[in-house]
Protein backbone atom coordinates (compact mmCIF):
# COMPACT_ATOMS: atom_id res chain seq x y z
CA MET A 1 7.48 -19.22 -30.28
CA ASN A 2 10.17 -17.92 -27.94
CA LEU A 3 9.26 -14.28 -28.64
CA LEU A 4 5.57 -15.00 -28.06
CA LEU A 5 6.31 -16.67 -24.72
CA GLU A 6 8.67 -13.82 -23.74
CA ARG A 7 5.98 -11.22 -24.43
CA LEU A 8 3.30 -13.20 -22.63
CA ALA A 9 5.54 -13.74 -19.61
CA GLY A 10 6.51 -10.04 -19.66
CA ALA A 11 2.83 -9.03 -19.66
CA LEU A 12 2.18 -11.31 -16.68
CA VAL A 13 5.10 -9.75 -14.79
CA LEU A 14 3.72 -6.28 -15.57
CA ILE A 15 0.33 -7.28 -14.15
CA ALA A 16 2.07 -8.71 -11.07
CA ALA A 17 3.99 -5.46 -10.61
CA ILE A 18 0.79 -3.41 -10.86
CA CYS A 19 -0.84 -5.68 -8.26
CA LEU A 20 2.17 -5.25 -5.97
CA VAL A 21 2.01 -1.45 -6.25
CA ALA A 22 -1.74 -1.59 -5.57
CA MET A 23 -1.14 -3.77 -2.50
CA VAL A 24 1.46 -1.40 -1.10
CA GLY A 25 -0.68 1.65 -1.85
CA LEU A 26 -3.73 0.12 -0.22
CA ILE A 27 -1.80 -0.89 2.90
CA VAL A 28 -0.22 2.55 3.22
CA ALA A 29 -3.58 4.27 2.73
CA ASP A 30 -5.30 1.96 5.23
CA VAL A 31 -2.63 2.42 7.91
CA THR A 32 -2.44 6.19 7.32
CA LEU A 33 -6.21 6.63 7.52
CA GLY A 34 -6.35 4.41 10.57
CA ASN A 35 -3.67 6.38 12.40
CA LEU A 36 -4.74 9.89 11.38
CA LEU A 37 -8.51 9.63 11.28
CA GLY A 38 -9.25 6.40 13.08
CA ALA A 39 -11.05 5.14 9.97
CA ARG A 40 -9.92 2.00 8.16
CA ILE A 41 -10.62 1.00 4.57
CA PHE A 42 -13.36 -1.61 4.63
CA GLY A 43 -12.13 -4.91 3.19
CA ALA A 44 -8.52 -3.76 2.75
CA TYR A 45 -7.13 -7.02 4.14
CA GLU A 46 -9.33 -9.01 1.76
CA ILE A 47 -8.30 -6.97 -1.27
CA VAL A 48 -4.61 -7.30 -0.36
CA ALA A 49 -5.08 -11.08 -0.04
CA LEU A 50 -6.68 -11.18 -3.49
CA LEU A 51 -3.84 -9.16 -5.00
CA MET A 52 -1.22 -11.42 -3.45
CA ALA A 53 -2.05 -14.39 -5.71
CA PRO A 54 -1.09 -12.60 -8.95
CA VAL A 55 2.04 -11.19 -7.30
CA ALA A 56 3.18 -14.66 -6.26
CA PHE A 57 2.19 -16.73 -9.30
CA LEU A 58 2.27 -14.55 -12.43
CA PRO A 59 6.09 -14.13 -12.54
CA ILE A 60 6.76 -17.91 -12.61
CA ALA A 61 6.83 -18.14 -16.42
CA ARG A 62 9.27 -15.24 -16.72
CA THR A 63 11.52 -16.82 -14.10
CA LEU A 64 11.62 -20.00 -16.16
CA LEU A 65 12.35 -18.19 -19.41
CA LYS A 66 15.12 -16.08 -17.86
CA ASP A 67 16.69 -19.15 -16.19
CA GLY A 68 16.16 -17.51 -12.82
CA GLN A 69 15.65 -20.67 -10.78
CA ILE A 70 17.70 -21.18 -7.67
CA THR A 71 20.80 -23.21 -8.45
CA VAL A 72 23.48 -24.72 -6.26
CA GLU A 73 26.75 -23.29 -7.56
CA ILE A 74 28.92 -25.93 -5.93
CA VAL A 75 27.11 -28.63 -7.91
CA ASP A 76 27.68 -26.69 -11.13
CA ALA A 77 31.39 -26.43 -10.32
CA LEU A 78 31.83 -30.12 -9.49
CA LEU A 79 29.83 -31.79 -12.27
CA PRO A 80 30.77 -32.00 -15.93
CA GLY A 81 28.79 -29.91 -18.42
CA ARG A 82 26.74 -32.81 -19.77
CA ALA A 83 25.60 -33.77 -16.24
CA ILE A 84 24.57 -30.16 -15.58
CA GLN A 85 22.60 -30.15 -18.84
CA LEU A 86 20.93 -33.43 -17.83
CA LEU A 87 20.00 -31.94 -14.44
CA ARG A 88 18.55 -28.93 -16.24
CA VAL A 89 16.39 -31.23 -18.39
CA PHE A 90 15.20 -33.15 -15.30
CA GLY A 91 14.40 -29.89 -13.51
CA LEU A 92 12.37 -28.60 -16.44
CA ALA A 93 10.53 -31.91 -16.70
CA GLY A 94 9.70 -31.68 -13.00
CA MET A 95 8.48 -28.10 -13.41
CA LEU A 96 6.32 -29.09 -16.37
CA VAL A 97 4.72 -31.96 -14.46
CA PHE A 98 4.27 -29.85 -11.30
CA ALA A 99 2.68 -26.85 -13.06
CA ALA A 100 0.51 -29.00 -15.31
CA MET A 101 -0.76 -31.13 -12.43
CA LEU A 102 -1.53 -28.08 -10.31
CA ALA A 103 -3.44 -26.50 -13.19
CA ILE A 104 -5.33 -29.72 -13.98
CA PHE A 105 -6.32 -30.40 -10.39
CA MET A 106 -7.18 -26.76 -9.77
CA TYR A 107 -9.56 -26.42 -12.72
CA THR A 108 -12.60 -28.18 -11.24
CA PRO A 109 -12.51 -26.44 -7.83
CA MET A 110 -11.93 -23.12 -9.60
CA MET A 111 -14.98 -23.64 -11.81
CA ASP A 112 -17.00 -24.72 -8.76
CA THR A 113 -16.46 -21.24 -7.30
CA VAL A 114 -18.16 -19.84 -10.40
CA ARG A 115 -20.87 -22.50 -10.54
CA TYR A 116 -21.83 -22.17 -6.88
CA GLY A 117 -21.21 -18.44 -6.58
CA GLU A 118 -18.44 -18.29 -3.98
CA PHE A 119 -17.50 -14.79 -2.85
CA THR A 120 -15.15 -13.24 -0.33
CA PRO A 121 -16.84 -12.52 3.01
CA ASP A 122 -16.43 -8.72 3.32
CA ARG A 123 -16.43 -7.21 -0.15
CA GLU A 124 -18.23 -10.11 -1.83
CA ILE A 125 -15.67 -10.31 -4.64
CA PRO A 126 -16.02 -13.51 -6.71
CA MET A 127 -13.34 -16.07 -5.79
CA ILE A 128 -12.53 -16.52 -9.48
CA VAL A 129 -10.73 -13.17 -9.19
CA LYS A 130 -8.20 -14.89 -6.93
CA LEU A 131 -8.09 -18.31 -8.59
CA GLY A 132 -8.17 -17.18 -12.23
CA PRO A 133 -4.72 -15.54 -12.23
CA ILE A 134 -3.22 -18.55 -10.46
CA PHE A 135 -4.66 -20.90 -13.08
CA ILE A 136 -3.47 -18.70 -15.95
CA ALA A 137 0.01 -18.44 -14.41
CA LEU A 138 0.27 -22.21 -14.00
CA CYS A 139 -0.86 -22.85 -17.58
CA VAL A 140 1.64 -20.36 -18.99
CA ALA A 141 4.39 -21.74 -16.75
CA ALA A 142 3.65 -25.27 -17.99
CA LEU A 143 3.75 -24.02 -21.59
CA CYS A 144 7.10 -22.29 -21.00
CA ALA A 145 8.50 -25.35 -19.22
CA ALA A 146 7.43 -27.55 -22.15
CA PHE A 147 9.08 -25.22 -24.66
CA LEU A 148 12.29 -25.06 -22.62
CA LEU A 149 12.26 -28.81 -22.02
CA VAL A 150 12.20 -29.48 -25.76
CA ARG A 151 14.93 -26.91 -26.39
CA GLU A 152 17.20 -28.18 -23.60
CA THR A 153 16.64 -31.82 -24.58
CA LEU A 154 17.66 -31.03 -28.15
CA LYS A 155 20.76 -29.27 -26.79
CA LEU A 156 21.58 -32.34 -24.74
CA LEU A 157 21.17 -34.64 -27.73
CA ARG A 158 23.49 -32.44 -29.84
CA TRP A 159 26.05 -32.14 -27.03
CA LYS A 160 29.59 -31.37 -28.20
CA GLY A 161 31.34 -31.30 -24.83
CA GLU A 162 31.40 -27.60 -23.92
CA ARG A 163 30.16 -26.26 -20.58
CA ALA A 164 26.46 -25.44 -20.10
């Protein structure tokens, strides 16, 4: 299961990286054309805004799996190992609840954009293009958080006294 989640999270990060490169390339091309020829790329701002959602949300699962969350080092130094492990379990439980609730409450409005045909104003790109990657990222993040929560809880239950 861990390998499957690692590969899935890695694929999402790759997609996010491609979107980031596309954003940068589009901005550079738009600014260059605007300055040299006085011609802008129609809908460039809109496309960059659509690409920003995958860049921001798709790497969340990988961050969880690589234990890349922001931590307060002074707390880690002051608390005993078991307390740190307990905080880790609480943090993962919070992440699971947060990602799952966002995904659940996002599903209906996301499907409404498909049902009622919502598009971006300039390029008329379906809004599902923006909301779909966010929903997928939240679902995968919730799945990763659930897997890690079970693993870290089992570690806590088998605690032998060493540092986390």
